[in-house]
Amino acid sequence: MLRFRPRIGILPSRVFVRASLTRPFATQAPTPASGDKATVEPAVTPDRTAFPATSAFENELSRGPQAAFMNDPEYEDLTRSHKGLSFEPFPPEISEILLAPIKEADIEITPDGLLYLPEIKYRRILNRAFGPGGWGLIPRGPHTVTNKTISREYALFCLGRFVAQARGEQDYFSDDKLPTCAEGAKSNALMRCCKDLGIASELWDPIFIEQFKASHCVQLPTVSGYSNTRKLLWRRKDRKFGPGVREDTGSSSNSGGNAYRKN
């Protein structure tokens, strides 16, 4: 006589996961369960206040120093510290690098006529003066995100001393560009902090600006290749306009200059 023994399935072992690790981001729609019928979820408006998923980091700025460092006599909370401010001048060899005139070949001009030094040039000057690792930017609070701008406060420390503090900002046009624009805001804060060290101080001197633009720059009528709009834009004499912009060589005969507006 044959006996049939029922097969006993092996139950999968349970895996416990912390709820904080499975919580969806603010920009994600909840995932339906496997047994549910597929439904069309309404579009979710991105929550910019959650950028960049900072619950694990930016809350640390408000809680103060970590408990693990509380008993360390050498620990300094740099998110609040002004240690070393105006304690003494930097050595002459460092000051000479910081206050050296900038090379005219390094200066750029925006299409609307503002002179600037690319942010990588500031970093190279700081590296020459203090050495890599001898300076750093410390965030002094969370990002502030509006409909068009992201900004954040930073402090510049050199050789362990507080030097300057400034808020960097950057415009953005879509939410998926926020991480890149956050880096731009950091670079903008670095540029503003470097003013207190005297780096590229010529770029805030009206006489230098006027002379440099007269000798190295030119303002020309242009046409946008995307919108066909006409503008008077600036560029260096030894540079060309970027993609999508072309010089309008026939502007004087076509429009008499009346169709152009300053950017």
C-alpha atoms as a PDB file:
ATOM      1  CA  MET A   1       0.000   0.000   0.000  1.00  0.00           C
ATOM      2  CA  LEU A   2       1.409   3.298  -1.108  1.00  0.00           C
ATOM      3  CA  ARG A   3       1.291   6.243   1.212  1.00  0.00           C
ATOM      4  CA  PHE A   4       1.585   9.768  -0.004  1.00  0.00           C
ATOM      5  CA  ARG A   5       3.480  12.129   2.287  1.00  0.00           C
ATOM      6  CA  PRO A   6       2.637  15.752   1.835  1.00  0.00           C
ATOM      7  CA  ARG A   7       5.595  17.935   0.775  1.00  0.00           C
ATOM      8  CA  ILE A   8       6.487  20.597   3.272  1.00  0.00           C
ATOM      9  CA  GLY A   9       7.830  23.781   1.732  1.00  0.00           C
ATOM     10  CA  ILE A  10      10.773  25.523   3.282  1.00  0.00           C
ATOM     11  CA  LEU A  11       9.756  28.923   4.541  1.00  0.00           C
ATOM     12  CA  PRO A  12      12.187  31.710   3.678  1.00  0.00           C
ATOM     13  CA  SER A  13      13.965  33.209   6.625  1.00  0.00           C
ATOM     14  CA  ARG A  14      12.828  36.645   7.675  1.00  0.00           C
ATOM     15  CA  VAL A  15      15.096  39.562   7.075  1.00  0.00           C
ATOM     16  CA  PHE A  16      14.598  42.561   9.305  1.00  0.00           C
ATOM     17  CA  VAL A  17      15.503  45.930   7.799  1.00  0.00           C
ATOM     18  CA  ARG A  18      15.514  49.261   9.574  1.00  0.00           C
ATOM     19  CA  ALA A  19      12.562  51.363   8.555  1.00  0.00           C
ATOM     20  CA  SER A  20      14.810  54.377   7.897  1.00  0.00           C
ATOM     21  CA  LEU A  21      16.604  52.421   5.154  1.00  0.00           C
ATOM     22  CA  THR A  22      13.426  51.510   3.291  1.00  0.00           C
ATOM     23  CA  ARG A  23      11.727  54.895   3.529  1.00  0.00           C
ATOM     24  CA  PRO A  24      11.346  56.377   0.027  1.00  0.00           C
ATOM     25  CA  PHE A  25      12.917  59.691  -0.872  1.00  0.00           C
ATOM     26  CA  ALA A  26      10.731  62.744  -0.937  1.00  0.00           C
ATOM     27  CA  THR A  27      10.708  62.688  -4.749  1.00  0.00           C
ATOM     28  CA  GLN A  28       9.680  58.997  -5.051  1.00  0.00           C
ATOM     29  CA  ALA A  29       6.169  57.650  -5.352  1.00  0.00           C
ATOM     30  CA  PRO A  30       5.365  54.632  -3.107  1.00  0.00           C
ATOM     31  CA  THR A  31       5.941  51.254  -4.798  1.00  0.00           C
ATOM     32  CA  PRO A  32       2.761  49.102  -4.984  1.00  0.00           C
ATOM     33  CA  ALA A  33       2.830  45.659  -3.383  1.00  0.00           C
ATOM     34  CA  SER A  34       3.476  42.687  -5.654  1.00  0.00           C
ATOM     35  CA  GLY A  35      -0.127  41.398  -5.323  1.00  0.00           C
ATOM     36  CA  ASP A  36      -1.776  44.743  -6.058  1.00  0.00           C
ATOM     37  CA  LYS A  37      -3.069  45.688  -9.446  1.00  0.00           C
ATOM     38  CA  ALA A  38      -1.027  48.215 -11.327  1.00  0.00           C
ATOM     39  CA  THR A  39      -2.335  51.705 -10.773  1.00  0.00           C
ATOM     40  CA  VAL A  40      -1.378  55.020 -12.271  1.00  0.00           C
ATOM     41  CA  GLU A  41       0.101  57.237  -9.597  1.00  0.00           C
ATOM     42  CA  PRO A  42      -0.303  61.015  -9.854  1.00  0.00           C
ATOM     43  CA  ALA A  43       2.805  63.067 -10.567  1.00  0.00           C
ATOM     44  CA  VAL A  44       4.714  63.976  -7.419  1.00  0.00           C
ATOM     45  CA  THR A  45       6.080  67.493  -7.063  1.00  0.00           C
ATOM     46  CA  PRO A  46       9.761  67.326  -5.982  1.00  0.00           C
ATOM     47  CA  ASP A  47      10.343  68.405  -2.393  1.00  0.00           C
ATOM     48  CA  ARG A  48      13.272  70.809  -2.704  1.00  0.00           C
ATOM     49  CA  THR A  49      13.535  71.154   1.071  1.00  0.00           C
ATOM     50  CA  ALA A  50      14.860  67.585   1.167  1.00  0.00           C
ATOM     51  CA  PHE A  51      17.822  68.280  -1.113  1.00  0.00           C
ATOM     52  CA  PRO A  52      20.257  66.669  -1.041  1.00  0.00           C
ATOM     53  CA  ALA A  53      18.764  63.958   1.198  1.00  0.00           C
ATOM     54  CA  THR A  54      20.476  65.669   4.093  1.00  0.00           C
ATOM     55  CA  SER A  55      18.692  64.193   7.101  1.00  0.00           C
ATOM     56  CA  ALA A  56      21.847  62.258   7.985  1.00  0.00           C
ATOM     57  CA  PHE A  57      24.285  65.124   7.548  1.00  0.00           C
ATOM     58  CA  GLU A  58      22.788  68.544   7.989  1.00  0.00           C
ATOM     59  CA  ASN A  59      21.104  67.583  11.238  1.00  0.00           C
ATOM     60  CA  GLU A  60      24.613  67.092  12.570  1.00  0.00           C
ATOM     61  CA  LEU A  61      25.191  70.812  12.082  1.00  0.00           C
ATOM     62  CA  SER A  62      22.340  71.622  14.436  1.00  0.00           C
ATOM     63  CA  ARG A  63      23.138  68.963  17.058  1.00  0.00           C
ATOM     64  CA  GLY A  64      26.666  70.179  17.655  1.00  0.00           C
ATOM     65  CA  PRO A  65      29.857  68.107  18.078  1.00  0.00           C
ATOM     66  CA  GLN A  66      29.697  64.334  18.153  1.00  0.00           C
ATOM     67  CA  ALA A  67      29.752  62.696  21.548  1.00  0.00           C
ATOM     68  CA  ALA A  68      32.807  60.682  20.520  1.00  0.00           C
ATOM     69  CA  PHE A  69      34.835  63.895  20.289  1.00  0.00           C
ATOM     70  CA  MET A  70      33.502  65.662  23.367  1.00  0.00           C
ATOM     71  CA  ASN A  71      36.382  64.459  25.544  1.00  0.00           C
ATOM     72  CA  ASP A  72      39.084  65.183  22.966  1.00  0.00           C
ATOM     73  CA  PRO A  73      40.930  68.325  24.111  1.00  0.00           C
ATOM     74  CA  GLU A  74      42.158  69.007  20.563  1.00  0.00           C
ATOM     75  CA  TYR A  75      38.709  68.807  18.955  1.00  0.00           C
ATOM     76  CA  GLU A  76      37.330  72.061  17.557  1.00  0.00           C
ATOM     77  CA  ASP A  77      33.816  72.381  16.139  1.00  0.00           C
ATOM     78  CA  LEU A  78      34.616  74.232  12.908  1.00  0.00           C
ATOM     79  CA  THR A  79      30.948  74.683  12.009  1.00  0.00           C
ATOM     80  CA  ARG A  80      30.820  77.415  14.679  1.00  0.00           C
ATOM     81  CA  SER A  81      34.450  78.315  15.389  1.00  0.00           C
ATOM     82  CA  HIS A  82      36.210  81.595  14.559  1.00  0.00           C
ATOM     83  CA  LYS A  83      39.516  80.330  15.924  1.00  0.00           C
ATOM     84  CA  GLY A  84      42.592  82.316  14.891  1.00  0.00           C
ATOM     85  CA  LEU A  85      40.727  85.220  13.286  1.00  0.00           C
ATOM     86  CA  SER A  86      43.137  88.203  12.985  1.00  0.00           C
ATOM     87  CA  PHE A  87      45.560  86.502  15.401  1.00  0.00           C
ATOM     88  CA  GLU A  88      48.605  87.463  13.320  1.00  0.00           C
ATOM     89  CA  PRO A  89      49.505  87.997   9.648  1.00  0.00           C
ATOM     90  CA  PHE A  90      50.465  85.019   7.556  1.00  0.00           C
ATOM     91  CA  PRO A  91      54.222  84.716   6.852  1.00  0.00           C
ATOM     92  CA  PRO A  92      55.622  87.006   4.124  1.00  0.00           C
ATOM     93  CA  GLU A  93      56.176  84.141   1.677  1.00  0.00           C
ATOM     94  CA  ILE A  94      52.471  83.235   1.896  1.00  0.00           C
ATOM     95  CA  SER A  95      51.293  86.836   1.652  1.00  0.00           C
ATOM     96  CA  GLU A  96      53.420  87.347  -1.443  1.00  0.00           C
ATOM     97  CA  ILE A  97      51.571  84.532  -3.223  1.00  0.00           C
ATOM     98  CA  LEU A  98      48.132  85.722  -2.104  1.00  0.00           C
ATOM     99  CA  LEU A  99      48.691  89.374  -3.070  1.00  0.00           C
ATOM    100  CA  ALA A 100      50.508  88.748  -6.347  1.00  0.00           C
ATOM    101  CA  PRO A 101      48.940  90.421  -9.403  1.00  0.00           C
ATOM    102  CA  ILE A 102      46.842  88.002 -11.403  1.00  0.00           C
ATOM    103  CA  LYS A 103      47.852  87.150 -14.956  1.00  0.00           C
ATOM    104  CA  GLU A 104      45.819  88.981 -17.571  1.00  0.00           C
ATOM    105  CA  ALA A 105      45.581  85.747 -19.560  1.00  0.00           C
ATOM    106  CA  ASP A 106      43.634  84.180 -16.668  1.00  0.00           C
ATOM    107  CA  ILE A 107      40.909  86.847 -16.540  1.00  0.00           C
ATOM    108  CA  GLU A 108      37.622  86.064 -18.258  1.00  0.00           C
ATOM    109  CA  ILE A 109      34.590  88.221 -19.032  1.00  0.00           C
ATOM    110  CA  THR A 110      30.919  87.238 -18.958  1.00  0.00           C
ATOM    111  CA  PRO A 111      28.671  88.075 -21.912  1.00  0.00           C
ATOM    112  CA  ASP A 112      27.148  90.922 -19.880  1.00  0.00           C
ATOM    113  CA  GLY A 113      30.557  92.474 -19.201  1.00  0.00           C
ATOM    114  CA  LEU A 114      31.624  91.271 -15.731  1.00  0.00           C
ATOM    115  CA  LEU A 115      35.270  90.323 -15.206  1.00  0.00           C
ATOM    116  CA  TYR A 116      35.984  87.172 -13.229  1.00  0.00           C
ATOM    117  CA  LEU A 117      38.653  84.631 -12.408  1.00  0.00           C
ATOM    118  CA  PRO A 118      37.685  80.946 -12.915  1.00  0.00           C
ATOM    119  CA  GLU A 119      37.255  79.207  -9.582  1.00  0.00           C
ATOM    120  CA  ILE A 120      40.011  76.693 -10.306  1.00  0.00           C
ATOM    121  CA  LYS A 121      42.477  79.609 -10.344  1.00  0.00           C
ATOM    122  CA  TYR A 122      41.529  80.489  -6.759  1.00  0.00           C
ATOM    123  CA  ARG A 123      42.131  76.901  -5.700  1.00  0.00           C
ATOM    124  CA  ARG A 124      45.547  76.854  -7.366  1.00  0.00           C
ATOM    125  CA  ILE A 125      46.561  80.066  -5.599  1.00  0.00           C
ATOM    126  CA  LEU A 126      45.468  78.637  -2.242  1.00  0.00           C
ATOM    127  CA  ASN A 127      47.352  75.419  -2.940  1.00  0.00           C
ATOM    128  CA  ARG A 128      50.522  77.352  -3.782  1.00  0.00           C
ATOM    129  CA  ALA A 129      50.199  79.485  -0.659  1.00  0.00           C
ATOM    130  CA  PHE A 130      49.157  76.891   1.940  1.00  0.00           C
ATOM    131  CA  GLY A 131      49.736  73.554   0.226  1.00  0.00           C
ATOM    132  CA  PRO A 132      47.120  70.919  -0.588  1.00  0.00           C
ATOM    133  CA  GLY A 133      45.345  70.074   2.667  1.00  0.00           C
ATOM    134  CA  GLY A 134      46.399  73.356   4.271  1.00  0.00           C
ATOM    135  CA  TRP A 135      43.051  75.036   3.626  1.00  0.00           C
ATOM    136  CA  GLY A 136      39.402  74.026   3.450  1.00  0.00           C
ATOM    137  CA  LEU A 137      35.791  75.177   3.203  1.00  0.00           C
ATOM    138  CA  ILE A 138      33.473  74.293   6.083  1.00  0.00           C
ATOM    139  CA  PRO A 139      29.669  74.418   5.554  1.00  0.00           C
ATOM    140  CA  ARG A 140      27.926  76.638   8.105  1.00  0.00           C
ATOM    141  CA  GLY A 141      24.366  75.441   7.666  1.00  0.00           C
ATOM    142  CA  PRO A 142      22.070  73.628   5.233  1.00  0.00           C
ATOM    143  CA  HIS A 143      21.352  74.545   1.644  1.00  0.00           C
ATOM    144  CA  THR A 144      18.699  77.180   1.026  1.00  0.00           C
ATOM    145  CA  VAL A 145      16.700  76.308  -2.090  1.00  0.00           C
ATOM    146  CA  THR A 146      14.211  78.670  -3.725  1.00  0.00           C
ATOM    147  CA  ASN A 147      12.422  78.343  -7.056  1.00  0.00           C
ATOM    148  CA  LYS A 148      15.445  79.628  -8.980  1.00  0.00           C
ATOM    149  CA  THR A 149      18.471  79.740  -6.652  1.00  0.00           C
ATOM    150  CA  ILE A 150      20.405  77.451  -4.328  1.00  0.00           C
ATOM    151  CA  SER A 151      22.749  78.931  -1.725  1.00  0.00           C
ATOM    152  CA  ARG A 152      24.769  77.901   1.325  1.00  0.00           C
ATOM    153  CA  GLU A 153      27.021  79.536   3.899  1.00  0.00           C
ATOM    154  CA  TYR A 154      30.679  78.449   4.025  1.00  0.00           C
ATOM    155  CA  ALA A 155      33.706  79.376   6.137  1.00  0.00           C
ATOM    156  CA  LEU A 156      37.272  79.335   4.816  1.00  0.00           C
ATOM    157  CA  PHE A 157      40.001  77.980   7.119  1.00  0.00           C
ATOM    158  CA  CYS A 158      43.709  78.215   6.287  1.00  0.00           C
ATOM    159  CA  LEU A 159      46.359  76.446   8.383  1.00  0.00           C
ATOM    160  CA  GLY A 160      43.722  75.815  11.046  1.00  0.00           C
ATOM    161  CA  ARG A 161      42.692  79.485  11.275  1.00  0.00           C
ATOM    162  CA  PHE A 162      39.351  81.038  10.430  1.00  0.00           C
ATOM    163  CA  VAL A 163      39.816  83.461   7.522  1.00  0.00           C
ATOM    164  CA  ALA A 164      36.433  84.439   6.101  1.00  0.00           C
ATOM    165  CA  GLN A 165      32.793  83.446   5.771  1.00  0.00           C
ATOM    166  CA  ALA A 166      30.457  83.991   2.821  1.00  0.00           C
ATOM    167  CA  ARG A 167      27.269  82.685   1.264  1.00  0.00           C
ATOM    168  CA  GLY A 168      27.649  81.141  -2.170  1.00  0.00           C
ATOM    169  CA  GLU A 169      24.767  81.054  -4.624  1.00  0.00           C
ATOM    170  CA  GLN A 170      23.937  79.539  -7.981  1.00  0.00           C
ATOM    171  CA  ASP A 171      20.937  79.788 -10.278  1.00  0.00           C
ATOM    172  CA  TYR A 172      19.309  76.623 -11.597  1.00  0.00           C
ATOM    173  CA  PHE A 173      16.539  75.861 -14.076  1.00  0.00           C
ATOM    174  CA  SER A 174      15.541  72.267 -13.327  1.00  0.00           C
ATOM    175  CA  ASP A 175      15.539  70.076 -10.218  1.00  0.00           C
ATOM    176  CA  ASP A 176      17.810  67.433 -11.730  1.00  0.00           C
ATOM    177  CA  LYS A 177      20.586  70.058 -11.914  1.00  0.00           C
ATOM    178  CA  LEU A 178      20.560  70.788  -8.175  1.00  0.00           C
ATOM    179  CA  PRO A 179      23.608  68.636  -7.294  1.00  0.00           C
ATOM    180  CA  THR A 180      25.729  70.368  -9.941  1.00  0.00           C
ATOM    181  CA  CYS A 181      24.442  73.794  -8.895  1.00  0.00           C
ATOM    182  CA  ALA A 182      25.256  72.997  -5.263  1.00  0.00           C
ATOM    183  CA  GLU A 183      28.887  72.603  -6.307  1.00  0.00           C
ATOM    184  CA  GLY A 184      28.632  75.925  -8.130  1.00  0.00           C
ATOM    185  CA  ALA A 185      27.375  77.584  -4.954  1.00  0.00           C
ATOM    186  CA  LYS A 186      30.385  76.203  -3.072  1.00  0.00           C
ATOM    187  CA  SER A 187      32.777  77.615  -5.665  1.00  0.00           C
ATOM    188  CA  ASN A 188      31.017  80.981  -5.502  1.00  0.00           C
ATOM    189  CA  ALA A 189      31.462  81.041  -1.717  1.00  0.00           C
ATOM    190  CA  LEU A 190      35.172  80.249  -2.149  1.00  0.00           C
ATOM    191  CA  MET A 191      35.605  83.187  -4.514  1.00  0.00           C
ATOM    192  CA  ARG A 192      33.912  85.551  -2.056  1.00  0.00           C
ATOM    193  CA  CYS A 193      35.981  84.296   0.879  1.00  0.00           C
ATOM    194  CA  CYS A 194      39.195  84.812  -1.085  1.00  0.00           C
ATOM    195  CA  LYS A 195      38.495  88.542  -1.290  1.00  0.00           C
ATOM    196  CA  ASP A 196      39.474  88.801   2.387  1.00  0.00           C
ATOM    197  CA  LEU A 197      42.868  87.292   1.532  1.00  0.00           C
ATOM    198  CA  GLY A 198      43.421  89.856  -1.226  1.00  0.00           C
ATOM    199  CA  ILE A 199      43.319  87.303  -4.029  1.00  0.00           C
ATOM    200  CA  ALA A 200      42.384  88.857  -7.405  1.00  0.00           C
ATOM    201  CA  SER A 201      41.513  92.160  -5.738  1.00  0.00           C
ATOM    202  CA  GLU A 202      41.972  93.904  -9.103  1.00  0.00           C
ATOM    203  CA  LEU A 203      38.634  92.512 -10.246  1.00  0.00           C
ATOM    204  CA  TRP A 204      36.858  94.834  -7.790  1.00  0.00           C
ATOM    205  CA  ASP A 205      38.920  97.903  -8.754  1.00  0.00           C
ATOM    206  CA  PRO A 206      36.864 100.161 -11.102  1.00  0.00           C
ATOM    207  CA  ILE A 207      39.975 101.675 -12.720  1.00  0.00           C
ATOM    208  CA  PHE A 208      41.489  98.257 -13.472  1.00  0.00           C
ATOM    209  CA  ILE A 209      38.157  96.991 -14.830  1.00  0.00           C
ATOM    210  CA  GLU A 210      37.784  99.947 -17.199  1.00  0.00           C
ATOM    211  CA  GLN A 211      41.355  99.678 -18.487  1.00  0.00           C
ATOM    212  CA  PHE A 212      41.233  95.909 -18.949  1.00  0.00           C
ATOM    213  CA  LYS A 213      37.949  95.997 -20.865  1.00  0.00           C
ATOM    214  CA  ALA A 214      39.243  98.783 -23.102  1.00  0.00           C
ATOM    215  CA  SER A 215      42.440  96.940 -24.015  1.00  0.00           C
ATOM    216  CA  HIS A 216      41.438  93.272 -23.945  1.00  0.00           C
ATOM    217  CA  CYS A 217      37.670  93.061 -24.534  1.00  0.00           C
ATOM    218  CA  VAL A 218      35.115  94.041 -27.137  1.00  0.00           C
ATOM    219  CA  GLN A 219      31.312  94.368 -27.225  1.00  0.00           C
ATOM    220  CA  LEU A 220      29.729  93.103 -30.428  1.00  0.00           C
ATOM    221  CA  PRO A 221      26.249  92.618 -31.907  1.00  0.00           C
ATOM    222  CA  THR A 222      25.260  88.949 -31.914  1.00  0.00           C
ATOM    223  CA  VAL A 223      22.396  86.687 -32.906  1.00  0.00           C
ATOM    224  CA  SER A 224      21.274  83.671 -30.901  1.00  0.00           C
ATOM    225  CA  GLY A 225      21.194  80.474 -32.926  1.00  0.00           C
ATOM    226  CA  TYR A 226      18.355  79.141 -30.759  1.00  0.00           C
ATOM    227  CA  SER A 227      15.894  82.031 -30.438  1.00  0.00           C
ATOM    228  CA  ASN A 228      17.191  84.348 -33.175  1.00  0.00           C
ATOM    229  CA  THR A 229      17.299  87.207 -30.657  1.00  0.00           C
ATOM    230  CA  ARG A 230      19.864  89.977 -31.040  1.00  0.00           C
ATOM    231  CA  LYS A 231      22.050  91.204 -28.206  1.00  0.00           C
ATOM    232  CA  LEU A 232      25.196  93.223 -27.607  1.00  0.00           C
ATOM    233  CA  LEU A 233      27.551  90.794 -25.866  1.00  0.00           C
ATOM    234  CA  TRP A 234      31.086  91.023 -24.494  1.00  0.00           C
ATOM    235  CA  ARG A 235      34.026  88.730 -25.155  1.00  0.00           C
ATOM    236  CA  ARG A 236      37.802  88.882 -24.975  1.00  0.00           C
ATOM    237  CA  LYS A 237      39.477  89.962 -28.190  1.00  0.00           C
ATOM    238  CA  ASP A 238      41.418  86.685 -28.291  1.00  0.00           C
ATOM    239  CA  ARG A 239      38.331  84.525 -27.629  1.00  0.00           C
ATOM    240  CA  LYS A 240      35.272  83.491 -29.625  1.00  0.00           C
ATOM    241  CA  PHE A 241      31.645  83.346 -28.584  1.00  0.00           C
ATOM    242  CA  GLY A 242      30.381  79.999 -27.375  1.00  0.00           C
ATOM    243  CA  PRO A 243      28.110  77.571 -29.258  1.00  0.00           C
ATOM    244  CA  GLY A 244      24.741  78.956 -30.230  1.00  0.00           C
ATOM    245  CA  VAL A 245      25.936  82.561 -30.561  1.00  0.00           C
ATOM    246  CA  ARG A 246      27.231  84.124 -33.742  1.00  0.00           C
ATOM    247  CA  GLU A 247      28.400  87.615 -34.555  1.00  0.00           C
ATOM    248  CA  ASP A 248      26.051  89.590 -36.765  1.00  0.00           C
ATOM    249  CA  THR A 249      28.401  91.134 -39.283  1.00  0.00           C
ATOM    250  CA  GLY A 250      25.560  92.687 -41.298  1.00  0.00           C
ATOM    251  CA  SER A 251      23.853  94.428 -38.367  1.00  0.00           C
ATOM    252  CA  SER A 252      24.696  97.972 -39.456  1.00  0.00           C
ATOM    253  CA  SER A 253      22.986  97.606 -42.829  1.00  0.00           C
ATOM    254  CA  ASN A 254      20.031  95.535 -41.667  1.00  0.00           C
ATOM    255  CA  SER A 255      18.879  97.203 -38.498  1.00  0.00           C
ATOM    256  CA  GLY A 256      20.987 100.264 -37.894  1.00  0.00           C
ATOM    257  CA  GLY A 257      21.717  98.941 -34.394  1.00  0.00           C
ATOM    258  CA  ASN A 258      18.142  99.590 -33.196  1.00  0.00           C
ATOM    259  CA  ALA A 259      17.238  95.902 -32.999  1.00  0.00           C
ATOM    260  CA  TYR A 260      19.970  95.122 -30.489  1.00  0.00           C
ATOM    261  CA  ARG A 261      19.705  95.354 -26.754  1.00  0.00           C
ATOM    262  CA  LYS A 262      22.333  95.113 -24.069  1.00  0.00           C
ATOM    263  CA  ASN A 263      22.357  91.886 -22.142  1.00  0.00           C
END
